[in-house]
């Protein structure tokens, strides 16, 4: 018996909902909970769309909030010391991706370096 599968599906949503939610979170227009709710809904919609299309083996673990390499860094705990680990995971994650500045608190931490892999930007 043959099974159908794929390697994953776009994570932004049909109308770039994830990009809008992430940028809204950065601007403090939406909460961390709203960001995660948006991400969860996109994942559920993606799984349903694949199921409805008749895909037998639906991949999981292919979603990323921002950067798959950064996800792996967090998964294995390779977080550089310069980042404050006493903040929410989303704050830490995006600080690693974008840097973190807060003049009032004297915080000025640079983002992780980037490299080109297969013509895309990833953190490392």
PDB file of N, CA and C in Angstrom:
ATOM      1  N   UNK A   1       0.834  -1.181   0.000  1.00  0.00           N
ATOM      2  CA  UNK A   1       0.000   0.000   0.000  1.00  0.00           C
ATOM      3  C   UNK A   1       0.880   1.247   0.000  1.00  0.00           C
ATOM      4  N   UNK A   2       0.553   2.193  -0.824  1.00  0.00           N
ATOM      5  CA  UNK A   2       1.303   3.450  -0.902  1.00  0.00           C
ATOM      6  C   UNK A   2       0.656   4.494   0.001  1.00  0.00           C
ATOM      7  N   UNK A   3       1.504   5.316   0.600  1.00  0.00           N
ATOM      8  CA  UNK A   3       1.033   6.407   1.463  1.00  0.00           C
ATOM      9  C   UNK A   3       1.477   7.736   0.870  1.00  0.00           C
ATOM     10  N   UNK A   4       0.668   8.732   1.079  1.00  0.00           N
ATOM     11  CA  UNK A   4       1.059  10.079   0.640  1.00  0.00           C
ATOM     12  C   UNK A   4       1.602  10.851   1.834  1.00  0.00           C
ATOM     13  N   UNK A   5       2.571  11.704   1.553  1.00  0.00           N
ATOM     14  CA  UNK A   5       3.176  12.530   2.593  1.00  0.00           C
ATOM     15  C   UNK A   5       3.747  13.783   1.949  1.00  0.00           C
ATOM     16  N   UNK A   6       4.241  14.672   2.760  1.00  0.00           N
ATOM     17  CA  UNK A   6       4.973  15.835   2.265  1.00  0.00           C
ATOM     18  C   UNK A   6       6.011  16.223   3.306  1.00  0.00           C
ATOM     19  N   UNK A   7       6.801  17.213   3.006  1.00  0.00           N
ATOM     20  CA  UNK A   7       7.870  17.619   3.923  1.00  0.00           C
ATOM     21  C   UNK A   7       7.467  18.767   4.835  1.00  0.00           C
ATOM     22  N   UNK A   8       6.255  19.255   4.700  1.00  0.00           N
ATOM     23  CA  UNK A   8       5.795  20.366   5.516  1.00  0.00           C
ATOM     24  C   UNK A   8       4.968  21.309   4.662  1.00  0.00           C
ATOM     25  N   UNK A   9       4.514  22.350   5.289  1.00  0.00           N
ATOM     26  CA  UNK A   9       3.628  23.297   4.624  1.00  0.00           C
ATOM     27  C   UNK A   9       3.980  24.697   5.109  1.00  0.00           C
ATOM     28  N   UNK A  10       3.692  25.689   4.301  1.00  0.00           N
ATOM     29  CA  UNK A  10       4.001  27.065   4.684  1.00  0.00           C
ATOM     30  C   UNK A  10       3.441  27.418   6.050  1.00  0.00           C
ATOM     31  N   UNK A  11       4.170  28.206   6.807  1.00  0.00           N
ATOM     32  CA  UNK A  11       3.767  28.476   8.180  1.00  0.00           C
ATOM     33  C   UNK A  11       3.164  29.860   8.389  1.00  0.00           C
ATOM     34  N   UNK A  12       3.125  30.698   7.388  1.00  0.00           N
ATOM     35  CA  UNK A  12       2.665  32.075   7.567  1.00  0.00           C
ATOM     36  C   UNK A  12       1.150  32.215   7.628  1.00  0.00           C
ATOM     37  N   UNK A  13       0.426  31.247   7.086  1.00  0.00           N
ATOM     38  CA  UNK A  13      -1.024  31.359   6.982  1.00  0.00           C
ATOM     39  C   UNK A  13      -1.384  31.929   5.623  1.00  0.00           C
ATOM     40  N   UNK A  14      -2.613  31.701   5.175  1.00  0.00           N
ATOM     41  CA  UNK A  14      -2.993  32.123   3.827  1.00  0.00           C
ATOM     42  C   UNK A  14      -2.948  33.632   3.602  1.00  0.00           C
ATOM     43  N   UNK A  15      -3.101  34.398   4.665  1.00  0.00           N
ATOM     44  CA  UNK A  15      -3.056  35.865   4.547  1.00  0.00           C
ATOM     45  C   UNK A  15      -1.931  36.463   5.390  1.00  0.00           C
ATOM     46  N   UNK A  16      -0.859  35.688   5.547  1.00  0.00           N
ATOM     47  CA  UNK A  16       0.325  36.112   6.293  1.00  0.00           C
ATOM     48  C   UNK A  16       0.000  36.455   7.751  1.00  0.00           C
ATOM     49  N   UNK A  17      -0.905  35.684   8.331  1.00  0.00           N
ATOM     50  CA  UNK A  17      -1.344  35.931   9.699  1.00  0.00           C
ATOM     51  C   UNK A  17      -0.200  35.859  10.714  1.00  0.00           C
ATOM     52  N   UNK A  18       0.719  34.907  10.533  1.00  0.00           N
ATOM     53  CA  UNK A  18       1.820  34.786  11.488  1.00  0.00           C
ATOM     54  C   UNK A  18       2.729  36.004  11.426  1.00  0.00           C
ATOM     55  N   UNK A  19       3.069  36.446  10.235  1.00  0.00           N
ATOM     56  CA  UNK A  19       3.919  37.635  10.094  1.00  0.00           C
ATOM     57  C   UNK A  19       3.267  38.839  10.772  1.00  0.00           C
ATOM     58  N   UNK A  20       1.980  39.024  10.549  1.00  0.00           N
ATOM     59  CA  UNK A  20       1.261  40.153  11.167  1.00  0.00           C
ATOM     60  C   UNK A  20       1.227  40.017  12.688  1.00  0.00           C
ATOM     61  N   UNK A  21       1.027  38.803  13.175  1.00  0.00           N
ATOM     62  CA  UNK A  21       0.980  38.588  14.616  1.00  0.00           C
ATOM     63  C   UNK A  21       2.346  38.818  15.259  1.00  0.00           C
ATOM     64  N   UNK A  22       3.397  38.306  14.643  1.00  0.00           N
ATOM     65  CA  UNK A  22       4.750  38.504  15.187  1.00  0.00           C
ATOM     66  C   UNK A  22       5.084  39.994  15.231  1.00  0.00           C
ATOM     67  N   UNK A  23       4.816  40.688  14.141  1.00  0.00           N
ATOM     68  CA  UNK A  23       5.103  42.125  14.117  1.00  0.00           C
ATOM     69  C   UNK A  23       4.229  42.880  15.122  1.00  0.00           C
ATOM     70  N   UNK A  24       2.974  42.440  15.293  1.00  0.00           N
ATOM     71  CA  UNK A  24       2.108  43.046  16.301  1.00  0.00           C
ATOM     72  C   UNK A  24       2.642  42.816  17.706  1.00  0.00           C
ATOM     73  N   UNK A  25       3.186  41.647  17.956  1.00  0.00           N
ATOM     74  CA  UNK A  25       3.786  41.342  19.259  1.00  0.00           C
ATOM     75  C   UNK A  25       5.009  42.230  19.499  1.00  0.00           C
ATOM     76  N   UNK A  26       5.843  42.368  18.474  1.00  0.00           N
ATOM     77  CA  UNK A  26       7.028  43.215  18.623  1.00  0.00           C
ATOM     78  C   UNK A  26       6.647  44.652  18.945  1.00  0.00           C
ATOM     79  N   UNK A  27       5.569  45.137  18.346  1.00  0.00           N
ATOM     80  CA  UNK A  27       5.114  46.518  18.575  1.00  0.00           C
ATOM     81  C   UNK A  27       4.277  46.653  19.843  1.00  0.00           C
ATOM     82  N   UNK A  28       4.088  45.526  20.551  1.00  0.00           N
ATOM     83  CA  UNK A  28       3.272  45.489  21.767  1.00  0.00           C
ATOM     84  C   UNK A  28       1.809  45.816  21.494  1.00  0.00           C
ATOM     85  N   UNK A  29       1.355  45.496  20.275  1.00  0.00           N
ATOM     86  CA  UNK A  29      -0.051  45.681  19.907  1.00  0.00           C
ATOM     87  C   UNK A  29      -0.883  44.461  20.275  1.00  0.00           C
ATOM     88  N   UNK A  30      -0.222  43.300  20.391  1.00  0.00           N
ATOM     89  CA  UNK A  30      -0.906  42.090  20.841  1.00  0.00           C
ATOM     90  C   UNK A  30      -0.057  41.439  21.929  1.00  0.00           C
ATOM     91  N   UNK A  31      -0.691  40.606  22.726  1.00  0.00           N
ATOM     92  CA  UNK A  31      -0.002  39.941  23.833  1.00  0.00           C
ATOM     93  C   UNK A  31       0.726  38.686  23.344  1.00  0.00           C
ATOM     94  N   UNK A  32       1.556  38.168  24.214  1.00  0.00           N
ATOM     95  CA  UNK A  32       2.241  36.906  23.916  1.00  0.00           C
ATOM     96  C   UNK A  32       1.215  35.786  23.739  1.00  0.00           C
ATOM     97  N   UNK A  33       0.170  35.792  24.558  1.00  0.00           N
ATOM     98  CA  UNK A  33      -0.882  34.772  24.445  1.00  0.00           C
ATOM     99  C   UNK A  33      -1.579  34.858  23.091  1.00  0.00           C
ATOM    100  N   UNK A  34      -1.857  36.073  22.621  1.00  0.00           N
ATOM    101  CA  UNK A  34      -2.498  36.240  21.310  1.00  0.00           C
ATOM    102  C   UNK A  34      -1.582  35.758  20.194  1.00  0.00           C
ATOM    103  N   UNK A  35      -0.294  36.020  20.319  1.00  0.00           N
ATOM    104  CA  UNK A  35       0.677  35.536  19.338  1.00  0.00           C
ATOM    105  C   UNK A  35       0.642  34.012  19.274  1.00  0.00           C
ATOM    106  N   UNK A  36       0.677  33.374  20.429  1.00  0.00           N
ATOM    107  CA  UNK A  36       0.683  31.913  20.460  1.00  0.00           C
ATOM    108  C   UNK A  36      -0.657  31.335  20.003  1.00  0.00           C
ATOM    109  N   UNK A  37      -1.746  32.018  20.289  1.00  0.00           N
ATOM    110  CA  UNK A  37      -3.055  31.568  19.794  1.00  0.00           C
ATOM    111  C   UNK A  37      -3.094  31.598  18.265  1.00  0.00           C
ATOM    112  N   UNK A  38      -2.542  32.669  17.684  1.00  0.00           N
ATOM    113  CA  UNK A  38      -2.486  32.768  16.220  1.00  0.00           C
ATOM    114  C   UNK A  38      -1.650  31.635  15.641  1.00  0.00           C
ATOM    115  N   UNK A  39      -0.493  31.391  16.223  1.00  0.00           N
ATOM    116  CA  UNK A  39       0.383  30.320  15.743  1.00  0.00           C
ATOM    117  C   UNK A  39      -0.309  28.963  15.854  1.00  0.00           C
ATOM    118  N   UNK A  40      -0.975  28.731  16.971  1.00  0.00           N
ATOM    119  CA  UNK A  40      -1.674  27.455  17.167  1.00  0.00           C
ATOM    120  C   UNK A  40      -2.778  27.275  16.128  1.00  0.00           C
ATOM    121  N   UNK A  41      -3.523  28.339  15.852  1.00  0.00           N
ATOM    122  CA  UNK A  41      -4.614  28.244  14.880  1.00  0.00           C
ATOM    123  C   UNK A  41      -4.076  27.959  13.477  1.00  0.00           C
ATOM    124  N   UNK A  42      -2.966  28.582  13.118  1.00  0.00           N
ATOM    125  CA  UNK A  42      -2.352  28.317  11.807  1.00  0.00           C
ATOM    126  C   UNK A  42      -1.946  26.854  11.707  1.00  0.00           C
ATOM    127  N   UNK A  43      -1.327  26.331  12.763  1.00  0.00           N
ATOM    128  CA  UNK A  43      -0.914  24.926  12.751  1.00  0.00           C
ATOM    129  C   UNK A  43      -2.124  23.995  12.609  1.00  0.00           C
ATOM    130  N   UNK A  44      -3.176  24.268  13.372  1.00  0.00           N
ATOM    131  CA  UNK A  44      -4.382  23.431  13.281  1.00  0.00           C
ATOM    132  C   UNK A  44      -4.985  23.494  11.878  1.00  0.00           C
ATOM    133  N   UNK A  45      -5.059  24.698  11.317  1.00  0.00           N
ATOM    134  CA  UNK A  45      -5.589  24.853   9.957  1.00  0.00           C
ATOM    135  C   UNK A  45      -4.737  24.096   8.948  1.00  0.00           C
ATOM    136  N   UNK A  46      -3.407  24.160   9.121  1.00  0.00           N
ATOM    137  CA  UNK A  46      -2.504  23.455   8.198  1.00  0.00           C
ATOM    138  C   UNK A  46      -2.704  21.949   8.274  1.00  0.00           C
ATOM    139  N   UNK A  47      -2.826  21.426   9.494  1.00  0.00           N
ATOM    140  CA  UNK A  47      -3.033  19.985   9.644  1.00  0.00           C
ATOM    141  C   UNK A  47      -4.359  19.567   9.017  1.00  0.00           C
ATOM    142  N   UNK A  48      -5.405  20.363   9.262  1.00  0.00           N
ATOM    143  CA  UNK A  48      -6.726  20.048   8.708  1.00  0.00           C
ATOM    144  C   UNK A  48      -6.700  20.099   7.175  1.00  0.00           C
ATOM    145  N   UNK A  49      -6.050  21.121   6.629  1.00  0.00           N
ATOM    146  CA  UNK A  49      -5.972  21.252   5.178  1.00  0.00           C
ATOM    147  C   UNK A  49      -5.284  20.031   4.567  1.00  0.00           C
ATOM    148  N   UNK A  50      -4.214  19.561   5.178  1.00  0.00           N
ATOM    149  CA  UNK A  50      -3.506  18.389   4.671  1.00  0.00           C
ATOM    150  C   UNK A  50      -4.349  17.128   4.811  1.00  0.00           C
ATOM    151  N   UNK A  51      -5.029  16.994   5.939  1.00  0.00           N
ATOM    152  CA  UNK A  51      -5.912  15.836   6.138  1.00  0.00           C
ATOM    153  C   UNK A  51      -7.023  15.841   5.103  1.00  0.00           C
ATOM    154  N   UNK A  52      -7.653  17.017   4.916  1.00  0.00           N
ATOM    155  CA  UNK A  52      -8.747  17.124   3.945  1.00  0.00           C
ATOM    156  C   UNK A  52      -8.273  16.860   2.518  1.00  0.00           C
ATOM    157  N   UNK A  53      -6.986  17.106   2.251  1.00  0.00           N
ATOM    158  CA  UNK A  53      -6.432  16.851   0.924  1.00  0.00           C
ATOM    159  C   UNK A  53      -6.074  15.376   0.734  1.00  0.00           C
ATOM    160  N   UNK A  54      -6.251  14.577   1.787  1.00  0.00           N
ATOM    161  CA  UNK A  54      -5.995  13.147   1.673  1.00  0.00           C
ATOM    162  C   UNK A  54      -4.569  12.733   1.955  1.00  0.00           C
ATOM    163  N   UNK A  55      -3.785  13.597   2.567  1.00  0.00           N
ATOM    164  CA  UNK A  55      -2.409  13.230   2.890  1.00  0.00           C
ATOM    165  C   UNK A  55      -2.440  12.264   4.066  1.00  0.00           C
ATOM    166  N   UNK A  56      -1.771  11.125   3.908  1.00  0.00           N
ATOM    167  CA  UNK A  56      -1.796  10.076   4.928  1.00  0.00           C
ATOM    168  C   UNK A  56      -0.855  10.363   6.094  1.00  0.00           C
ATOM    169  N   UNK A  57       0.354  10.767   5.789  1.00  0.00           N
ATOM    170  CA  UNK A  57       1.385  10.986   6.807  1.00  0.00           C
ATOM    171  C   UNK A  57       1.675  12.486   6.904  1.00  0.00           C
ATOM    172  N   UNK A  58       0.981  13.135   7.810  1.00  0.00           N
ATOM    173  CA  UNK A  58       1.090  14.594   7.954  1.00  0.00           C
ATOM    174  C   UNK A  58       2.275  14.906   8.862  1.00  0.00           C
ATOM    175  N   UNK A  59       3.213  15.719   8.400  1.00  0.00           N
ATOM    176  CA  UNK A  59       4.379  16.016   9.231  1.00  0.00           C
ATOM    177  C   UNK A  59       4.003  16.875  10.435  1.00  0.00           C
ATOM    178  N   UNK A  60       4.769  16.720  11.490  1.00  0.00           N
ATOM    179  CA  UNK A  60       4.625  17.590  12.656  1.00  0.00           C
ATOM    180  C   UNK A  60       6.015  18.084  13.019  1.00  0.00           C
ATOM    181  N   UNK A  61       6.065  19.130  13.796  1.00  0.00           N
ATOM    182  CA  UNK A  61       7.359  19.689  14.178  1.00  0.00           C
ATOM    183  C   UNK A  61       7.988  20.534  13.087  1.00  0.00           C
ATOM    184  N   UNK A  62       7.223  20.881  12.056  1.00  0.00           N
ATOM    185  CA  UNK A  62       7.769  21.669  10.956  1.00  0.00           C
ATOM    186  C   UNK A  62       7.456  23.155  11.108  1.00  0.00           C
ATOM    187  N   UNK A  63       6.711  23.529  12.139  1.00  0.00           N
ATOM    188  CA  UNK A  63       6.306  24.917  12.335  1.00  0.00           C
ATOM    189  C   UNK A  63       7.381  25.668  13.102  1.00  0.00           C
ATOM    190  N   UNK A  64       7.574  26.909  12.749  1.00  0.00           N
ATOM    191  CA  UNK A  64       8.488  27.775  13.482  1.00  0.00           C
ATOM    192  C   UNK A  64       7.845  29.137  13.625  1.00  0.00           C
ATOM    193  N   UNK A  65       8.027  29.733  14.778  1.00  0.00           N
ATOM    194  CA  UNK A  65       7.507  31.071  14.997  1.00  0.00           C
ATOM    195  C   UNK A  65       8.289  32.102  14.177  1.00  0.00           C
ATOM    196  N   UNK A  66       9.586  31.783  13.916  1.00  0.00           N
ATOM    197  CA  UNK A  66      10.423  32.769  13.228  1.00  0.00           C
ATOM    198  C   UNK A  66      11.567  32.134  12.447  1.00  0.00           C
ATOM    199  N   UNK A  67      12.342  31.236  13.046  1.00  0.00           N
ATOM    200  CA  UNK A  67      13.585  30.751  12.449  1.00  0.00           C
ATOM    201  C   UNK A  67      13.853  29.327  12.922  1.00  0.00           C
ATOM    202  N   UNK A  68      13.911  28.363  11.990  1.00  0.00           N
ATOM    203  CA  UNK A  68      14.080  26.964  12.348  1.00  0.00           C
ATOM    204  C   UNK A  68      15.425  26.677  13.008  1.00  0.00           C
ATOM    205  N   UNK A  69      16.459  27.361  12.589  1.00  0.00           N
ATOM    206  CA  UNK A  69      17.770  27.142  13.204  1.00  0.00           C
ATOM    207  C   UNK A  69      17.761  27.691  14.631  1.00  0.00           C
ATOM    208  N   UNK A  70      17.140  28.841  14.830  1.00  0.00           N
ATOM    209  CA  UNK A  70      17.001  29.401  16.169  1.00  0.00           C
ATOM    210  C   UNK A  70      16.182  28.458  17.055  1.00  0.00           C
ATOM    211  N   UNK A  71      15.163  27.815  16.491  1.00  0.00           N
ATOM    212  CA  UNK A  71      14.380  26.825  17.239  1.00  0.00           C
ATOM    213  C   UNK A  71      15.287  25.711  17.753  1.00  0.00           C
ATOM    214  N   UNK A  72      16.179  25.246  16.902  1.00  0.00           N
ATOM    215  CA  UNK A  72      17.088  24.161  17.283  1.00  0.00           C
ATOM    216  C   UNK A  72      18.043  24.623  18.373  1.00  0.00           C
ATOM    217  N   UNK A  73      18.535  25.847  18.271  1.00  0.00           N
ATOM    218  CA  UNK A  73      19.415  26.412  19.298  1.00  0.00           C
ATOM    219  C   UNK A  73      18.715  26.373  20.651  1.00  0.00           C
ATOM    220  N   UNK A  74      17.441  26.792  20.661  1.00  0.00           N
ATOM    221  CA  UNK A  74      16.671  26.795  21.910  1.00  0.00           C
ATOM    222  C   UNK A  74      16.402  25.367  22.382  1.00  0.00           C
ATOM    223  N   UNK A  75      16.103  24.471  21.458  1.00  0.00           N
ATOM    224  CA  UNK A  75      15.765  23.093  21.805  1.00  0.00           C
ATOM    225  C   UNK A  75      16.933  22.396  22.512  1.00  0.00           C
ATOM    226  N   UNK A  76      18.141  22.663  22.066  1.00  0.00           N
ATOM    227  CA  UNK A  76      19.297  21.995  22.672  1.00  0.00           C
ATOM    228  C   UNK A  76      19.934  22.833  23.790  1.00  0.00           C
ATOM    229  N   UNK A  77      19.360  24.006  24.066  1.00  0.00           N
ATOM    230  CA  UNK A  77      19.849  24.830  25.171  1.00  0.00           C
ATOM    231  C   UNK A  77      21.145  25.558  24.899  1.00  0.00           C
ATOM    232  N   UNK A  78      21.455  25.819  23.643  1.00  0.00           N
ATOM    233  CA  UNK A  78      22.707  26.504  23.287  1.00  0.00           C
ATOM    234  C   UNK A  78      22.496  28.024  23.263  1.00  0.00           C
ATOM    235  N   UNK A  79      21.898  28.550  24.304  1.00  0.00           N
ATOM    236  CA  UNK A  79      21.580  29.982  24.387  1.00  0.00           C
ATOM    237  C   UNK A  79      22.783  30.720  24.971  1.00  0.00           C
ATOM    238  N   UNK A  80      23.321  31.671  24.227  1.00  0.00           N
ATOM    239  CA  UNK A  80      24.492  32.405  24.723  1.00  0.00           C
ATOM    240  C   UNK A  80      24.208  33.121  26.047  1.00  0.00           C
ATOM    241  N   UNK A  81      25.235  33.259  26.850  1.00  0.00           N
ATOM    242  CA  UNK A  81      25.120  33.861  28.178  1.00  0.00           C
ATOM    243  C   UNK A  81      24.619  35.311  28.148  1.00  0.00           C
ATOM    244  N   UNK A  82      24.834  36.019  27.040  1.00  0.00           N
ATOM    245  CA  UNK A  82      24.474  37.441  27.012  1.00  0.00           C
ATOM    246  C   UNK A  82      22.966  37.684  27.074  1.00  0.00           C
ATOM    247  N   UNK A  83      22.166  36.630  26.890  1.00  0.00           N
ATOM    248  CA  UNK A  83      20.717  36.791  26.906  1.00  0.00           C
ATOM    249  C   UNK A  83      20.158  36.517  28.297  1.00  0.00           C
ATOM    250  N   UNK A  84      19.216  37.353  28.693  1.00  0.00           N
ATOM    251  CA  UNK A  84      18.562  37.226  29.991  1.00  0.00           C
ATOM    252  C   UNK A  84      17.575  36.060  29.936  1.00  0.00           C
ATOM    253  N   UNK A  85      17.876  35.014  30.668  1.00  0.00           N
ATOM    254  CA  UNK A  85      17.003  33.833  30.662  1.00  0.00           C
ATOM    255  C   UNK A  85      15.841  33.998  31.642  1.00  0.00           C
ATOM    256  N   UNK A  86      15.791  35.120  32.358  1.00  0.00           N
ATOM    257  CA  UNK A  86      14.708  35.384  33.309  1.00  0.00           C
ATOM    258  C   UNK A  86      13.611  36.224  32.666  1.00  0.00           C
ATOM    259  N   UNK A  87      13.224  35.850  31.485  1.00  0.00           N
ATOM    260  CA  UNK A  87      12.123  36.509  30.780  1.00  0.00           C
ATOM    261  C   UNK A  87      11.309  35.416  30.100  1.00  0.00           C
ATOM    262  N   UNK A  88      10.174  35.778  29.549  1.00  0.00           N
ATOM    263  CA  UNK A  88       9.350  34.755  28.895  1.00  0.00           C
ATOM    264  C   UNK A  88      10.135  34.149  27.737  1.00  0.00           C
ATOM    265  N   UNK A  89       9.718  32.946  27.347  1.00  0.00           N
ATOM    266  CA  UNK A  89      10.399  32.289  26.241  1.00  0.00           C
ATOM    267  C   UNK A  89      10.327  33.136  24.974  1.00  0.00           C
ATOM    268  N   UNK A  90       9.169  33.734  24.696  1.00  0.00           N
ATOM    269  CA  UNK A  90       9.032  34.550  23.479  1.00  0.00           C
ATOM    270  C   UNK A  90       9.960  35.752  23.517  1.00  0.00           C
ATOM    271  N   UNK A  91      10.075  36.392  24.676  1.00  0.00           N
ATOM    272  CA  UNK A  91      10.986  37.537  24.786  1.00  0.00           C
ATOM    273  C   UNK A  91      12.426  37.102  24.547  1.00  0.00           C
ATOM    274  N   UNK A  92      12.820  35.983  25.136  1.00  0.00           N
ATOM    275  CA  UNK A  92      14.173  35.453  24.940  1.00  0.00           C
ATOM    276  C   UNK A  92      14.406  35.080  23.479  1.00  0.00           C
ATOM    277  N   UNK A  93      13.459  34.364  22.901  1.00  0.00           N
ATOM    278  CA  UNK A  93      13.563  33.896  21.519  1.00  0.00           C
ATOM    279  C   UNK A  93      13.739  35.069  20.555  1.00  0.00           C
ATOM    280  N   UNK A  94      12.891  36.080  20.691  1.00  0.00           N
ATOM    281  CA  UNK A  94      12.981  37.223  19.778  1.00  0.00           C
ATOM    282  C   UNK A  94      14.168  38.122  20.100  1.00  0.00           C
ATOM    283  N   UNK A  95      14.634  38.128  21.343  1.00  0.00           N
ATOM    284  CA  UNK A  95      15.869  38.858  21.666  1.00  0.00           C
ATOM    285  C   UNK A  95      17.041  38.225  20.929  1.00  0.00           C
ATOM    286  N   UNK A  96      17.055  36.902  20.865  1.00  0.00           N
ATOM    287  CA  UNK A  96      18.119  36.206  20.142  1.00  0.00           C
ATOM    288  C   UNK A  96      18.025  36.499  18.651  1.00  0.00           C
ATOM    289  N   UNK A  97      16.810  36.635  18.142  1.00  0.00           N
ATOM    290  CA  UNK A  97      16.605  36.871  16.713  1.00  0.00           C
ATOM    291  C   UNK A  97      16.850  38.314  16.314  1.00  0.00           C
ATOM    292  N   UNK A  98      16.456  39.262  17.166  1.00  0.00           N
ATOM    293  CA  UNK A  98      16.444  40.673  16.772  1.00  0.00           C
ATOM    294  C   UNK A  98      17.313  41.567  17.644  1.00  0.00           C
ATOM    295  N   UNK A  99      17.828  41.020  18.728  1.00  0.00           N
ATOM    296  CA  UNK A  99      18.511  41.851  19.700  1.00  0.00           C
ATOM    297  C   UNK A  99      17.479  42.384  20.689  1.00  0.00           C
ATOM    298  N   UNK A 100      17.989  43.054  21.724  1.00  0.00           N
ATOM    299  CA  UNK A 100      17.075  43.584  22.737  1.00  0.00           C
ATOM    300  C   UNK A 100      17.655  44.877  23.283  1.00  0.00           C
ATOM    301  N   UNK A 101      16.878  45.934  23.131  1.00  0.00           N
ATOM    302  CA  UNK A 101      17.307  47.236  23.618  1.00  0.00           C
ATOM    303  C   UNK A 101      16.218  47.820  24.512  1.00  0.00           C
ATOM    304  N   UNK A 102      16.643  48.358  25.641  1.00  0.00           N
ATOM    305  CA  UNK A 102      15.742  49.064  26.547  1.00  0.00           C
ATOM    306  C   UNK A 102      16.597  50.111  27.256  1.00  0.00           C
ATOM    307  N   UNK A 103      16.561  51.334  26.738  1.00  0.00           N
ATOM    308  CA  UNK A 103      17.406  52.396  27.293  1.00  0.00           C
ATOM    309  C   UNK A 103      17.116  52.640  28.766  1.00  0.00           C
ATOM    310  N   UNK A 104      15.845  52.577  29.158  1.00  0.00           N
ATOM    311  CA  UNK A 104      15.467  52.841  30.545  1.00  0.00           C
ATOM    312  C   UNK A 104      16.097  51.835  31.508  1.00  0.00           C
ATOM    313  N   UNK A 105      16.275  50.592  31.054  1.00  0.00           N
ATOM    314  CA  UNK A 105      16.853  49.544  31.905  1.00  0.00           C
ATOM    315  C   UNK A 105      18.334  49.307  31.614  1.00  0.00           C
ATOM    316  N   UNK A 106      18.895  50.064  30.677  1.00  0.00           N
ATOM    317  CA  UNK A 106      20.293  49.891  30.321  1.00  0.00           C
ATOM    318  C   UNK A 106      20.584  48.588  29.599  1.00  0.00           C
ATOM    319  N   UNK A 107      19.607  48.080  28.853  1.00  0.00           N
ATOM    320  CA  UNK A 107      19.764  46.814  28.128  1.00  0.00           C
ATOM    321  C   UNK A 107      20.090  47.114  26.673  1.00  0.00           C
ATOM    322  N   UNK A 108      21.170  46.532  26.189  1.00  0.00           N
ATOM    323  CA  UNK A 108      21.556  46.661  24.790  1.00  0.00           C
ATOM    324  C   UNK A 108      22.295  45.380  24.387  1.00  0.00           C
ATOM    325  N   UNK A 109      21.521  44.407  23.961  1.00  0.00           N
ATOM    326  CA  UNK A 109      22.066  43.096  23.613  1.00  0.00           C
ATOM    327  C   UNK A 109      21.859  42.877  22.118  1.00  0.00           C
ATOM    328  N   UNK A 110      22.910  42.498  21.438  1.00  0.00           N
ATOM    329  CA  UNK A 110      22.816  42.288  19.993  1.00  0.00           C
ATOM    330  C   UNK A 110      22.163  40.944  19.678  1.00  0.00           C
ATOM    331  N   UNK A 111      21.619  40.874  18.471  1.00  0.00           N
ATOM    332  CA  UNK A 111      21.023  39.628  17.989  1.00  0.00           C
ATOM    333  C   UNK A 111      22.119  38.620  17.695  1.00  0.00           C
ATOM    334  N   UNK A 112      21.734  37.366  17.578  1.00  0.00           N
ATOM    335  CA  UNK A 112      22.690  36.345  17.174  1.00  0.00           C
ATOM    336  C   UNK A 112      23.096  36.613  15.730  1.00  0.00           C
ATOM    337  N   UNK A 113      24.278  36.177  15.387  1.00  0.00           N
ATOM    338  CA  UNK A 113      24.751  36.390  14.026  1.00  0.00           C
ATOM    339  C   UNK A 113      23.896  35.599  13.045  1.00  0.00           C
ATOM    340  N   UNK A 114      23.930  36.042  11.798  1.00  0.00           N
ATOM    341  CA  UNK A 114      23.162  35.364  10.757  1.00  0.00           C
ATOM    342  C   UNK A 114      24.114  34.845   9.688  1.00  0.00           C
ATOM    343  N   UNK A 115      23.643  33.853   8.979  1.00  0.00           N
ATOM    344  CA  UNK A 115      24.392  33.317   7.853  1.00  0.00           C
ATOM    345  C   UNK A 115      23.406  32.976   6.740  1.00  0.00           C
ATOM    346  N   UNK A 116      23.902  32.921   5.544  1.00  0.00           N
ATOM    347  CA  UNK A 116      23.072  32.513   4.406  1.00  0.00           C
ATOM    348  C   UNK A 116      23.176  31.011   4.254  1.00  0.00           C
ATOM    349  N   UNK A 117      22.042  30.335   4.314  1.00  0.00           N
ATOM    350  CA  UNK A 117      21.965  28.910   4.036  1.00  0.00           C
ATOM    351  C   UNK A 117      20.973  28.751   2.911  1.00  0.00           C
ATOM    352  N   UNK A 118      21.422  28.216   1.804  1.00  0.00           N
ATOM    353  CA  UNK A 118      20.539  27.987   0.658  1.00  0.00           C
ATOM    354  C   UNK A 118      19.781  29.254   0.296  1.00  0.00           C
ATOM    355  N   UNK A 119      20.458  30.391   0.337  1.00  0.00           N
ATOM    356  CA  UNK A 119      19.886  31.669  -0.077  1.00  0.00           C
ATOM    357  C   UNK A 119      18.820  32.212   0.878  1.00  0.00           C
ATOM    358  N   UNK A 120      18.859  31.797   2.130  1.00  0.00           N
ATOM    359  CA  UNK A 120      17.937  32.334   3.132  1.00  0.00           C
ATOM    360  C   UNK A 120      18.749  32.747   4.341  1.00  0.00           C
ATOM    361  N   UNK A 121      18.185  33.610   5.158  1.00  0.00           N
ATOM    362  CA  UNK A 121      18.878  34.041   6.390  1.00  0.00           C
ATOM    363  C   UNK A 121      18.463  33.156   7.551  1.00  0.00           C
ATOM    364  N   UNK A 122      19.455  32.648   8.278  1.00  0.00           N
ATOM    365  CA  UNK A 122      19.197  31.911   9.507  1.00  0.00           C
ATOM    366  C   UNK A 122      20.160  32.358  10.560  1.00  0.00           C
ATOM    367  N   UNK A 123      19.726  32.313  11.807  1.00  0.00           N
ATOM    368  CA  UNK A 123      20.578  32.651  12.933  1.00  0.00           C
ATOM    369  C   UNK A 123      21.411  31.431  13.313  1.00  0.00           C
ATOM    370  N   UNK A 124      22.565  31.702  13.914  1.00  0.00           N
ATOM    371  CA  UNK A 124      23.365  30.597  14.397  1.00  0.00           C
ATOM    372  C   UNK A 124      24.164  31.016  15.616  1.00  0.00           C
TER     373      UNK A 124
END
